[in-house]
Amino acid sequence: MKTKEFYVVNSFGKKSFEGNPAAIFVDGNEINEKNMQAIARQMNLVETVFIMESDNEKEYDFQLRYFTPIKEVPIAGHPTVAAFIALEDSGKIDISNRDKYIIKTKAGLKAIKLHKDNGKTIVMMESSKPVFYQEIIDSHKVAKVLGLDVDDLIEDLPVEPVHTGLGHVIVPVKSMDALMKVKRNIKELKELCSGVNMSEAQVFTFETYDKISHIHTRNICPRNGIEDPGCGIGNAAVSAYLLKNKYPNEGQIRLKAEQGTIVNMPCVIETYTIRDESNHIRVLVGGTGIVMIKGECNIE
């Protein structure tokens, strides 16, 4: 029987018991795929991450695999933040000596940048290159699926599928009241998302609780039947969407997004979105995290 150390880290939280938890195994070597899935089911968090040492240090520093309780996913934002908070806490990295890393994921190689802000470690990951799909014209259908009236949607912004690693239908609404009315009609939303080859919905408003924030978002995840308290990849998609649709003449935007208040797990997600001279858009997404639990898992 092997014993493996694990962490539970709340990404995007300002203080204990806030943020979005992920389980992190900082030494995922020698854990086979079957046991990875079984552990993720046991942990029963949105994602569990297994970190493996690189077998090609010239190409990447760590390999990360991400498992929900039911399946493996190619990449996820908040667990990546959690992974680097755990790596630092375990002493496997020291950001005073090195602040840039490359990780290998099933979504490809990803750049990670770390820095300190008021003593807290901030982890920023570059999302997959944003891909924009055809706008969903039937706003009445979208509103009905989400339990809204069509008048709750912002008229001059589209409902648009955007892929930054997972695939999100981006839905802009006028107010916090409208955002908090959104219903988790999982069957109908799953049909809507799958019909445009997306996985989830990211609904947002420009109204916020904290005046220093720019948007408030909700992530409805029909593949798991849950609401994710803080979705990094989803907020990357929203940021790319906003640079394209609301700020078409800007070269870059920095946003702070609130999420998770409705499930009593408030999160703050940071994004930095850049448009280069060729009109290509890049998004860095991340935030800080809090170590909540350290433990050991026995694996046969």
C-alpha atoms as a PDB file:
ATOM      1  CA  MET A   1       0.000   0.000   0.000  1.00  0.00           C
ATOM      2  CA  LYS A   2       1.293   3.466  -0.961  1.00  0.00           C
ATOM      3  CA  THR A   3       0.649   6.617   1.041  1.00  0.00           C
ATOM      4  CA  LYS A   4       0.433   9.875  -0.911  1.00  0.00           C
ATOM      5  CA  GLU A   5       0.270  13.380   0.534  1.00  0.00           C
ATOM      6  CA  PHE A   6      -2.534  15.595  -0.714  1.00  0.00           C
ATOM      7  CA  TYR A   7      -3.719  19.162  -0.227  1.00  0.00           C
ATOM      8  CA  VAL A   8      -7.101  20.810  -0.468  1.00  0.00           C
ATOM      9  CA  VAL A   9      -6.567  24.375  -1.675  1.00  0.00           C
ATOM     10  CA  ASN A  10      -9.321  26.966  -2.057  1.00  0.00           C
ATOM     11  CA  SER A  11      -8.479  28.902  -5.205  1.00  0.00           C
ATOM     12  CA  PHE A  12      -9.591  32.523  -5.630  1.00  0.00           C
ATOM     13  CA  GLY A  13     -10.512  32.904  -1.942  1.00  0.00           C
ATOM     14  CA  LYS A  14      -9.667  36.004   0.070  1.00  0.00           C
ATOM     15  CA  LYS A  15      -9.825  34.124   3.387  1.00  0.00           C
ATOM     16  CA  SER A  16     -10.465  30.679   4.858  1.00  0.00           C
ATOM     17  CA  PHE A  17     -13.652  28.892   3.760  1.00  0.00           C
ATOM     18  CA  GLU A  18     -13.962  31.150   0.707  1.00  0.00           C
ATOM     19  CA  GLY A  19     -12.950  30.229  -2.819  1.00  0.00           C
ATOM     20  CA  ASN A  20     -13.208  27.116  -4.951  1.00  0.00           C
ATOM     21  CA  PRO A  21     -11.603  23.957  -3.501  1.00  0.00           C
ATOM     22  CA  ALA A  22      -9.512  21.459  -5.415  1.00  0.00           C
ATOM     23  CA  ALA A  23      -7.599  18.437  -4.174  1.00  0.00           C
ATOM     24  CA  ILE A  24      -3.935  18.349  -5.186  1.00  0.00           C
ATOM     25  CA  PHE A  25      -1.555  15.396  -5.143  1.00  0.00           C
ATOM     26  CA  VAL A  26       1.859  17.045  -5.397  1.00  0.00           C
ATOM     27  CA  ASP A  27       3.505  13.669  -6.115  1.00  0.00           C
ATOM     28  CA  GLY A  28       1.236  11.939  -8.598  1.00  0.00           C
ATOM     29  CA  ASN A  29       3.949   9.618  -9.825  1.00  0.00           C
ATOM     30  CA  GLU A  30       3.150   5.894  -9.455  1.00  0.00           C
ATOM     31  CA  ILE A  31      -0.603   6.543  -9.251  1.00  0.00           C
ATOM     32  CA  ASN A  32      -2.275   4.802 -12.169  1.00  0.00           C
ATOM     33  CA  GLU A  33      -5.200   6.251 -14.094  1.00  0.00           C
ATOM     34  CA  LYS A  34      -7.754   3.913 -12.516  1.00  0.00           C
ATOM     35  CA  ASN A  35      -6.719   5.024  -9.036  1.00  0.00           C
ATOM     36  CA  MET A  36      -6.660   8.679 -10.093  1.00  0.00           C
ATOM     37  CA  GLN A  37     -10.314   8.410 -11.064  1.00  0.00           C
ATOM     38  CA  ALA A  38     -11.162   6.515  -7.866  1.00  0.00           C
ATOM     39  CA  ILE A  39      -9.405   9.157  -5.738  1.00  0.00           C
ATOM     40  CA  ALA A  40     -11.265  11.969  -7.519  1.00  0.00           C
ATOM     41  CA  ARG A  41     -14.530  10.167  -6.823  1.00  0.00           C
ATOM     42  CA  GLN A  42     -13.517   9.787  -3.163  1.00  0.00           C
ATOM     43  CA  MET A  43     -12.547  13.465  -2.851  1.00  0.00           C
ATOM     44  CA  ASN A  44     -15.834  14.468  -4.541  1.00  0.00           C
ATOM     45  CA  LEU A  45     -14.632  17.978  -5.391  1.00  0.00           C
ATOM     46  CA  VAL A  46     -15.070  19.703  -8.738  1.00  0.00           C
ATOM     47  CA  GLU A  47     -11.549  18.570  -9.693  1.00  0.00           C
ATOM     48  CA  THR A  48      -8.639  16.616  -8.259  1.00  0.00           C
ATOM     49  CA  VAL A  49      -5.195  17.237  -9.764  1.00  0.00           C
ATOM     50  CA  PHE A  50      -2.239  14.865  -9.969  1.00  0.00           C
ATOM     51  CA  ILE A  51       1.180  16.466 -10.503  1.00  0.00           C
ATOM     52  CA  MET A  52       3.915  14.404 -12.104  1.00  0.00           C
ATOM     53  CA  GLU A  53       7.586  15.219 -12.552  1.00  0.00           C
ATOM     54  CA  SER A  54       8.711  16.105 -16.065  1.00  0.00           C
ATOM     55  CA  ASP A  55      10.313  13.453 -18.256  1.00  0.00           C
ATOM     56  CA  ASN A  56      11.545  16.198 -20.613  1.00  0.00           C
ATOM     57  CA  GLU A  57      12.799  19.169 -18.582  1.00  0.00           C
ATOM     58  CA  LYS A  58      13.728  21.134 -21.706  1.00  0.00           C
ATOM     59  CA  GLU A  59      10.071  21.111 -22.765  1.00  0.00           C
ATOM     60  CA  TYR A  60       8.085  21.393 -19.528  1.00  0.00           C
ATOM     61  CA  ASP A  61       8.460  21.423 -15.723  1.00  0.00           C
ATOM     62  CA  PHE A  62       5.449  19.431 -14.492  1.00  0.00           C
ATOM     63  CA  GLN A  63       2.687  17.332 -15.991  1.00  0.00           C
ATOM     64  CA  LEU A  64      -0.814  17.900 -14.581  1.00  0.00           C
ATOM     65  CA  ARG A  65      -3.833  15.622 -14.961  1.00  0.00           C
ATOM     66  CA  TYR A  66      -7.280  16.815 -13.934  1.00  0.00           C
ATOM     67  CA  PHE A  67     -10.124  14.532 -12.839  1.00  0.00           C
ATOM     68  CA  THR A  68     -13.715  15.308 -11.905  1.00  0.00           C
ATOM     69  CA  PRO A  69     -15.541  12.663  -9.838  1.00  0.00           C
ATOM     70  CA  ILE A  70     -16.762  11.105 -13.086  1.00  0.00           C
ATOM     71  CA  LYS A  71     -14.085  11.677 -15.751  1.00  0.00           C
ATOM     72  CA  GLU A  72     -10.778  13.238 -16.757  1.00  0.00           C
ATOM     73  CA  VAL A  73     -10.832  16.725 -18.307  1.00  0.00           C
ATOM     74  CA  PRO A  74      -8.008  18.250 -20.366  1.00  0.00           C
ATOM     75  CA  ILE A  75      -7.474  21.357 -18.241  1.00  0.00           C
ATOM     76  CA  ALA A  76      -9.105  23.533 -15.593  1.00  0.00           C
ATOM     77  CA  GLY A  77      -8.302  26.970 -14.211  1.00  0.00           C
ATOM     78  CA  HIS A  78      -8.916  26.959 -10.477  1.00  0.00           C
ATOM     79  CA  PRO A  79      -7.186  23.570  -9.936  1.00  0.00           C
ATOM     80  CA  THR A  80      -4.095  24.908 -11.739  1.00  0.00           C
ATOM     81  CA  VAL A  81      -3.957  27.835  -9.324  1.00  0.00           C
ATOM     82  CA  ALA A  82      -4.420  25.378  -6.441  1.00  0.00           C
ATOM     83  CA  ALA A  83      -1.673  23.128  -7.810  1.00  0.00           C
ATOM     84  CA  PHE A  84       0.958  25.865  -7.704  1.00  0.00           C
ATOM     85  CA  ILE A  85      -0.116  27.037  -4.253  1.00  0.00           C
ATOM     86  CA  ALA A  86       0.380  23.432  -3.087  1.00  0.00           C
ATOM     87  CA  LEU A  87       3.728  23.113  -4.893  1.00  0.00           C
ATOM     88  CA  GLU A  88       4.975  26.219  -3.116  1.00  0.00           C
ATOM     89  CA  ASP A  89       3.678  25.092   0.278  1.00  0.00           C
ATOM     90  CA  SER A  90       5.321  21.675  -0.149  1.00  0.00           C
ATOM     91  CA  GLY A  91       8.675  23.269  -0.984  1.00  0.00           C
ATOM     92  CA  LYS A  92       8.773  21.845  -4.500  1.00  0.00           C
ATOM     93  CA  ILE A  93       9.029  25.354  -5.970  1.00  0.00           C
ATOM     94  CA  ASP A  94      10.424  28.648  -4.635  1.00  0.00           C
ATOM     95  CA  ILE A  95       9.084  31.676  -6.482  1.00  0.00           C
ATOM     96  CA  SER A  96      11.762  33.934  -5.022  1.00  0.00           C
ATOM     97  CA  ASN A  97      14.173  31.986  -7.230  1.00  0.00           C
ATOM     98  CA  ARG A  98      11.908  31.242 -10.187  1.00  0.00           C
ATOM     99  CA  ASP A  99       8.549  32.671 -11.204  1.00  0.00           C
ATOM    100  CA  LYS A 100       7.826  31.117 -14.621  1.00  0.00           C
ATOM    101  CA  TYR A 101       6.980  27.489 -15.383  1.00  0.00           C
ATOM    102  CA  ILE A 102       5.626  25.358 -18.219  1.00  0.00           C
ATOM    103  CA  ILE A 103       3.087  22.640 -17.516  1.00  0.00           C
ATOM    104  CA  LYS A 104       2.047  19.771 -19.761  1.00  0.00           C
ATOM    105  CA  THR A 105      -1.694  19.108 -19.888  1.00  0.00           C
ATOM    106  CA  LYS A 106      -4.005  17.220 -22.219  1.00  0.00           C
ATOM    107  CA  ALA A 107      -4.870  20.651 -23.652  1.00  0.00           C
ATOM    108  CA  GLY A 108      -1.208  21.193 -24.533  1.00  0.00           C
ATOM    109  CA  LEU A 109       1.674  23.078 -22.930  1.00  0.00           C
ATOM    110  CA  LYS A 110       0.665  26.063 -20.781  1.00  0.00           C
ATOM    111  CA  ALA A 111       2.743  28.922 -19.401  1.00  0.00           C
ATOM    112  CA  ILE A 112       2.432  29.744 -15.685  1.00  0.00           C
ATOM    113  CA  LYS A 113       3.556  33.069 -14.173  1.00  0.00           C
ATOM    114  CA  LEU A 114       3.794  33.671 -10.420  1.00  0.00           C
ATOM    115  CA  HIS A 115       4.176  36.834  -8.379  1.00  0.00           C
ATOM    116  CA  LYS A 116       3.520  38.164  -4.890  1.00  0.00           C
ATOM    117  CA  ASP A 117       0.834  40.743  -4.083  1.00  0.00           C
ATOM    118  CA  ASN A 118       0.681  41.918  -0.470  1.00  0.00           C
ATOM    119  CA  GLY A 119       2.434  38.725   0.582  1.00  0.00           C
ATOM    120  CA  LYS A 120       0.045  36.418  -1.280  1.00  0.00           C
ATOM    121  CA  THR A 121       1.140  34.262  -4.191  1.00  0.00           C
ATOM    122  CA  ILE A 122      -0.742  35.007  -7.409  1.00  0.00           C
ATOM    123  CA  VAL A 123      -0.802  32.258 -10.035  1.00  0.00           C
ATOM    124  CA  MET A 124      -1.589  33.233 -13.636  1.00  0.00           C
ATOM    125  CA  MET A 125      -2.052  30.714 -16.447  1.00  0.00           C
ATOM    126  CA  GLU A 126      -2.356  31.396 -20.150  1.00  0.00           C
ATOM    127  CA  SER A 127      -5.592  29.870 -21.417  1.00  0.00           C
ATOM    128  CA  SER A 128      -5.952  28.111 -24.728  1.00  0.00           C
ATOM    129  CA  LYS A 129      -6.161  30.493 -27.677  1.00  0.00           C
ATOM    130  CA  PRO A 130      -9.724  31.863 -27.739  1.00  0.00           C
ATOM    131  CA  VAL A 131     -11.906  30.508 -30.521  1.00  0.00           C
ATOM    132  CA  PHE A 132     -15.160  32.359 -31.213  1.00  0.00           C
ATOM    133  CA  TYR A 133     -18.142  30.526 -32.669  1.00  0.00           C
ATOM    134  CA  GLN A 134     -21.301  31.707 -34.404  1.00  0.00           C
ATOM    135  CA  GLU A 135     -23.563  33.787 -32.174  1.00  0.00           C
ATOM    136  CA  ILE A 136     -26.751  32.166 -30.887  1.00  0.00           C
ATOM    137  CA  ILE A 137     -29.514  34.203 -32.508  1.00  0.00           C
ATOM    138  CA  ASP A 138     -32.461  32.678 -30.614  1.00  0.00           C
ATOM    139  CA  SER A 139     -32.126  34.754 -27.439  1.00  0.00           C
ATOM    140  CA  HIS A 140     -35.654  33.753 -26.370  1.00  0.00           C
ATOM    141  CA  LYS A 141     -34.563  30.113 -26.221  1.00  0.00           C
ATOM    142  CA  VAL A 142     -31.411  30.971 -24.230  1.00  0.00           C
ATOM    143  CA  ALA A 143     -33.406  33.065 -21.768  1.00  0.00           C
ATOM    144  CA  LYS A 144     -36.000  30.292 -21.304  1.00  0.00           C
ATOM    145  CA  VAL A 145     -33.327  27.655 -20.651  1.00  0.00           C
ATOM    146  CA  LEU A 146     -31.793  29.884 -17.967  1.00  0.00           C
ATOM    147  CA  GLY A 147     -35.163  30.731 -16.380  1.00  0.00           C
ATOM    148  CA  LEU A 148     -34.975  34.361 -17.509  1.00  0.00           C
ATOM    149  CA  ASP A 149     -37.036  36.786 -19.560  1.00  0.00           C
ATOM    150  CA  VAL A 150     -35.500  37.877 -22.841  1.00  0.00           C
ATOM    151  CA  ASP A 151     -35.534  41.451 -21.487  1.00  0.00           C
ATOM    152  CA  ASP A 152     -32.997  40.333 -18.855  1.00  0.00           C
ATOM    153  CA  LEU A 153     -30.341  39.920 -21.570  1.00  0.00           C
ATOM    154  CA  ILE A 154     -28.165  42.838 -22.693  1.00  0.00           C
ATOM    155  CA  GLU A 155     -29.431  43.721 -26.165  1.00  0.00           C
ATOM    156  CA  ASP A 156     -26.234  45.079 -27.725  1.00  0.00           C
ATOM    157  CA  LEU A 157     -23.994  42.168 -26.696  1.00  0.00           C
ATOM    158  CA  PRO A 158     -24.334  38.726 -28.282  1.00  0.00           C
ATOM    159  CA  VAL A 159     -24.885  35.298 -26.760  1.00  0.00           C
ATOM    160  CA  GLU A 160     -21.714  33.727 -28.081  1.00  0.00           C
ATOM    161  CA  PRO A 161     -19.917  30.404 -27.646  1.00  0.00           C
ATOM    162  CA  VAL A 162     -16.224  30.908 -26.823  1.00  0.00           C
ATOM    163  CA  HIS A 163     -13.656  28.152 -26.396  1.00  0.00           C
ATOM    164  CA  THR A 164     -10.638  28.828 -24.158  1.00  0.00           C
ATOM    165  CA  GLY A 165     -10.033  25.232 -23.122  1.00  0.00           C
ATOM    166  CA  LEU A 166     -13.416  23.830 -22.105  1.00  0.00           C
ATOM    167  CA  GLY A 167     -16.035  25.653 -24.201  1.00  0.00           C
ATOM    168  CA  HIS A 168     -18.500  28.164 -22.732  1.00  0.00           C
ATOM    169  CA  VAL A 169     -21.703  29.781 -23.911  1.00  0.00           C
ATOM    170  CA  ILE A 170     -21.268  33.411 -22.812  1.00  0.00           C
ATOM    171  CA  VAL A 171     -24.517  35.111 -21.775  1.00  0.00           C
ATOM    172  CA  PRO A 172     -24.592  38.822 -20.778  1.00  0.00           C
ATOM    173  CA  VAL A 173     -27.399  39.968 -18.457  1.00  0.00           C
ATOM    174  CA  LYS A 174     -28.399  43.461 -17.387  1.00  0.00           C
ATOM    175  CA  SER A 175     -28.340  43.246 -13.606  1.00  0.00           C
ATOM    176  CA  MET A 176     -27.343  41.327 -10.507  1.00  0.00           C
ATOM    177  CA  ASP A 177     -31.024  40.546  -9.954  1.00  0.00           C
ATOM    178  CA  ALA A 178     -31.193  38.898 -13.370  1.00  0.00           C
ATOM    179  CA  LEU A 179     -27.964  36.987 -12.759  1.00  0.00           C
ATOM    180  CA  MET A 180     -29.208  35.647  -9.439  1.00  0.00           C
ATOM    181  CA  LYS A 181     -32.472  34.514 -11.092  1.00  0.00           C
ATOM    182  CA  VAL A 182     -30.611  32.113 -13.391  1.00  0.00           C
ATOM    183  CA  LYS A 183     -31.889  28.572 -12.863  1.00  0.00           C
ATOM    184  CA  ARG A 184     -29.871  25.382 -13.133  1.00  0.00           C
ATOM    185  CA  ASN A 185     -32.090  23.618 -15.662  1.00  0.00           C
ATOM    186  CA  ILE A 186     -29.450  20.989 -16.282  1.00  0.00           C
ATOM    187  CA  LYS A 187     -31.147  18.857 -18.960  1.00  0.00           C
ATOM    188  CA  GLU A 188     -32.161  21.838 -21.104  1.00  0.00           C
ATOM    189  CA  LEU A 189     -28.809  23.585 -20.643  1.00  0.00           C
ATOM    190  CA  LYS A 190     -26.927  20.430 -21.553  1.00  0.00           C
ATOM    191  CA  GLU A 191     -28.898  20.274 -24.796  1.00  0.00           C
ATOM    192  CA  LEU A 192     -28.219  23.950 -25.522  1.00  0.00           C
ATOM    193  CA  CYS A 193     -24.478  23.622 -24.855  1.00  0.00           C
ATOM    194  CA  SER A 194     -24.023  20.356 -26.733  1.00  0.00           C
ATOM    195  CA  GLY A 195     -25.923  21.817 -29.688  1.00  0.00           C
ATOM    196  CA  VAL A 196     -23.109  24.356 -30.178  1.00  0.00           C
ATOM    197  CA  ASN A 197     -20.284  22.000 -29.095  1.00  0.00           C
ATOM    198  CA  MET A 198     -19.748  23.744 -25.765  1.00  0.00           C
ATOM    199  CA  SER A 199     -19.528  22.250 -22.268  1.00  0.00           C
ATOM    200  CA  GLU A 200     -20.833  24.951 -19.920  1.00  0.00           C
ATOM    201  CA  ALA A 201     -22.515  28.348 -19.623  1.00  0.00           C
ATOM    202  CA  GLN A 202     -20.865  31.452 -18.182  1.00  0.00           C
ATOM    203  CA  VAL A 203     -23.448  34.151 -17.412  1.00  0.00           C
ATOM    204  CA  PHE A 204     -22.257  37.612 -16.340  1.00  0.00           C
ATOM    205  CA  THR A 205     -23.318  41.139 -15.449  1.00  0.00           C
ATOM    206  CA  PHE A 206     -21.431  44.400 -15.048  1.00  0.00           C
ATOM    207  CA  GLU A 207     -23.062  44.961 -11.642  1.00  0.00           C
ATOM    208  CA  THR A 208     -20.822  43.875  -8.750  1.00  0.00           C
ATOM    209  CA  TYR A 209     -20.857  43.683  -4.968  1.00  0.00           C
ATOM    210  CA  ASP A 210     -17.343  45.107  -4.572  1.00  0.00           C
ATOM    211  CA  LYS A 211     -16.659  48.439  -6.291  1.00  0.00           C
ATOM    212  CA  ILE A 212     -13.145  47.335  -7.304  1.00  0.00           C
ATOM    213  CA  SER A 213     -14.566  44.417  -9.314  1.00  0.00           C
ATOM    214  CA  HIS A 214     -15.599  44.745 -12.951  1.00  0.00           C
ATOM    215  CA  ILE A 215     -18.023  41.863 -13.501  1.00  0.00           C
ATOM    216  CA  HIS A 216     -19.925  39.225 -11.545  1.00  0.00           C
ATOM    217  CA  THR A 217     -20.236  35.797 -13.160  1.00  0.00           C
ATOM    218  CA  ARG A 218     -21.927  32.458 -12.666  1.00  0.00           C
ATOM    219  CA  ASN A 219     -20.809  29.139 -14.129  1.00  0.00           C
ATOM    220  CA  ILE A 220     -23.438  26.481 -14.748  1.00  0.00           C
ATOM    221  CA  CYS A 221     -21.826  23.148 -15.531  1.00  0.00           C
ATOM    222  CA  PRO A 222     -24.354  20.688 -17.004  1.00  0.00           C
ATOM    223  CA  ARG A 223     -21.707  17.986 -17.557  1.00  0.00           C
ATOM    224  CA  ASN A 224     -21.504  17.589 -13.757  1.00  0.00           C
ATOM    225  CA  GLY A 225     -24.905  19.022 -12.849  1.00  0.00           C
ATOM    226  CA  ILE A 226     -23.329  21.622 -10.574  1.00  0.00           C
ATOM    227  CA  GLU A 227     -22.573  25.308 -10.234  1.00  0.00           C
ATOM    228  CA  ASP A 228     -18.824  25.919 -10.133  1.00  0.00           C
ATOM    229  CA  PRO A 229     -17.986  28.557  -7.475  1.00  0.00           C
ATOM    230  CA  GLY A 230     -15.025  29.917  -9.445  1.00  0.00           C
ATOM    231  CA  CYS A 231     -14.228  28.915 -13.019  1.00  0.00           C
ATOM    232  CA  GLY A 232     -10.934  30.265 -14.322  1.00  0.00           C
ATOM    233  CA  ILE A 233     -11.377  28.979 -17.879  1.00  0.00           C
ATOM    234  CA  GLY A 234     -14.933  30.349 -17.982  1.00  0.00           C
ATOM    235  CA  ASN A 235     -13.775  33.785 -16.914  1.00  0.00           C
ATOM    236  CA  ALA A 236     -10.981  33.626 -19.502  1.00  0.00           C
ATOM    237  CA  ALA A 237     -13.703  33.072 -22.094  1.00  0.00           C
ATOM    238  CA  VAL A 238     -15.708  36.047 -20.780  1.00  0.00           C
ATOM    239  CA  SER A 239     -12.618  38.274 -20.891  1.00  0.00           C
ATOM    240  CA  ALA A 240     -11.820  37.294 -24.484  1.00  0.00           C
ATOM    241  CA  TYR A 241     -15.485  37.871 -25.366  1.00  0.00           C
ATOM    242  CA  LEU A 242     -15.438  41.350 -23.819  1.00  0.00           C
ATOM    243  CA  LEU A 243     -12.239  42.426 -25.579  1.00  0.00           C
ATOM    244  CA  LYS A 244     -13.811  41.326 -28.883  1.00  0.00           C
ATOM    245  CA  ASN A 245     -17.345  42.633 -28.392  1.00  0.00           C
ATOM    246  CA  LYS A 246     -17.294  45.489 -25.875  1.00  0.00           C
ATOM    247  CA  TYR A 247     -13.769  46.865 -26.195  1.00  0.00           C
ATOM    248  CA  PRO A 248     -12.940  46.302 -29.897  1.00  0.00           C
ATOM    249  CA  ASN A 249     -10.590  49.298 -30.010  1.00  0.00           C
ATOM    250  CA  GLU A 250      -8.609  48.403 -26.868  1.00  0.00           C
ATOM    251  CA  GLY A 251      -5.286  46.589 -26.953  1.00  0.00           C
ATOM    252  CA  GLN A 252      -5.688  45.045 -23.522  1.00  0.00           C
ATOM    253  CA  ILE A 253      -7.997  44.831 -20.524  1.00  0.00           C
ATOM    254  CA  ARG A 254      -7.482  43.763 -16.914  1.00  0.00           C
ATOM    255  CA  LEU A 255     -10.535  42.501 -15.069  1.00  0.00           C
ATOM    256  CA  LYS A 256     -11.455  41.335 -11.600  1.00  0.00           C
ATOM    257  CA  ALA A 257     -14.417  38.970 -11.683  1.00  0.00           C
ATOM    258  CA  GLU A 258     -16.561  38.011  -8.702  1.00  0.00           C
ATOM    259  CA  GLN A 259     -18.099  34.547  -8.642  1.00  0.00           C
ATOM    260  CA  GLY A 260     -19.472  31.999  -6.182  1.00  0.00           C
ATOM    261  CA  THR A 261     -21.449  34.335  -3.915  1.00  0.00           C
ATOM    262  CA  ILE A 262     -24.693  32.517  -4.655  1.00  0.00           C
ATOM    263  CA  VAL A 263     -23.237  29.245  -3.305  1.00  0.00           C
ATOM    264  CA  ASN A 264     -21.576  30.964  -0.300  1.00  0.00           C
ATOM    265  CA  MET A 265     -18.090  30.378  -1.715  1.00  0.00           C
ATOM    266  CA  PRO A 266     -17.086  33.861  -2.934  1.00  0.00           C
ATOM    267  CA  CYS A 267     -14.192  34.000  -5.387  1.00  0.00           C
ATOM    268  CA  VAL A 268     -12.166  36.722  -7.082  1.00  0.00           C
ATOM    269  CA  ILE A 269     -10.657  35.757 -10.447  1.00  0.00           C
ATOM    270  CA  GLU A 270      -8.167  37.979 -12.258  1.00  0.00           C
ATOM    271  CA  THR A 271      -7.744  38.133 -16.024  1.00  0.00           C
ATOM    272  CA  TYR A 272      -5.334  39.984 -18.293  1.00  0.00           C
ATOM    273  CA  THR A 273      -6.401  39.927 -21.938  1.00  0.00           C
ATOM    274  CA  ILE A 274      -4.189  41.176 -24.763  1.00  0.00           C
ATOM    275  CA  ARG A 275      -4.816  41.816 -28.467  1.00  0.00           C
ATOM    276  CA  ASP A 276      -1.628  41.730 -30.556  1.00  0.00           C
ATOM    277  CA  GLU A 277      -0.840  43.495 -33.826  1.00  0.00           C
ATOM    278  CA  SER A 278      -2.285  40.575 -35.800  1.00  0.00           C
ATOM    279  CA  ASN A 279      -5.588  40.907 -33.875  1.00  0.00           C
ATOM    280  CA  HIS A 280      -4.954  37.637 -32.031  1.00  0.00           C
ATOM    281  CA  ILE A 281      -6.236  37.527 -28.447  1.00  0.00           C
ATOM    282  CA  ARG A 282      -4.382  35.986 -25.497  1.00  0.00           C
ATOM    283  CA  VAL A 283      -5.774  35.574 -21.987  1.00  0.00           C
ATOM    284  CA  LEU A 284      -3.961  35.092 -18.690  1.00  0.00           C
ATOM    285  CA  VAL A 285      -6.255  33.990 -15.865  1.00  0.00           C
ATOM    286  CA  GLY A 286      -5.672  33.232 -12.206  1.00  0.00           C
ATOM    287  CA  GLY A 287      -5.584  34.481  -8.663  1.00  0.00           C
ATOM    288  CA  THR A 288      -4.463  33.394  -5.241  1.00  0.00           C
ATOM    289  CA  GLY A 289      -5.345  30.395  -3.095  1.00  0.00           C
ATOM    290  CA  ILE A 290      -5.528  29.235   0.506  1.00  0.00           C
ATOM    291  CA  VAL A 291      -4.307  25.883   1.830  1.00  0.00           C
ATOM    292  CA  MET A 292      -7.219  24.462   3.826  1.00  0.00           C
ATOM    293  CA  ILE A 293      -6.310  20.808   4.384  1.00  0.00           C
ATOM    294  CA  LYS A 294      -3.182  18.628   4.309  1.00  0.00           C
ATOM    295  CA  GLY A 295      -3.591  14.899   4.509  1.00  0.00           C
ATOM    296  CA  GLU A 296      -2.532  11.454   3.403  1.00  0.00           C
ATOM    297  CA  CYS A 297      -4.325   9.029   1.113  1.00  0.00           C
ATOM    298  CA  ASN A 298      -3.712   5.280   1.260  1.00  0.00           C
ATOM    299  CA  ILE A 299      -3.648   3.632  -2.163  1.00  0.00           C
ATOM    300  CA  GLU A 300      -3.463  -0.103  -2.700  1.00  0.00           C
END
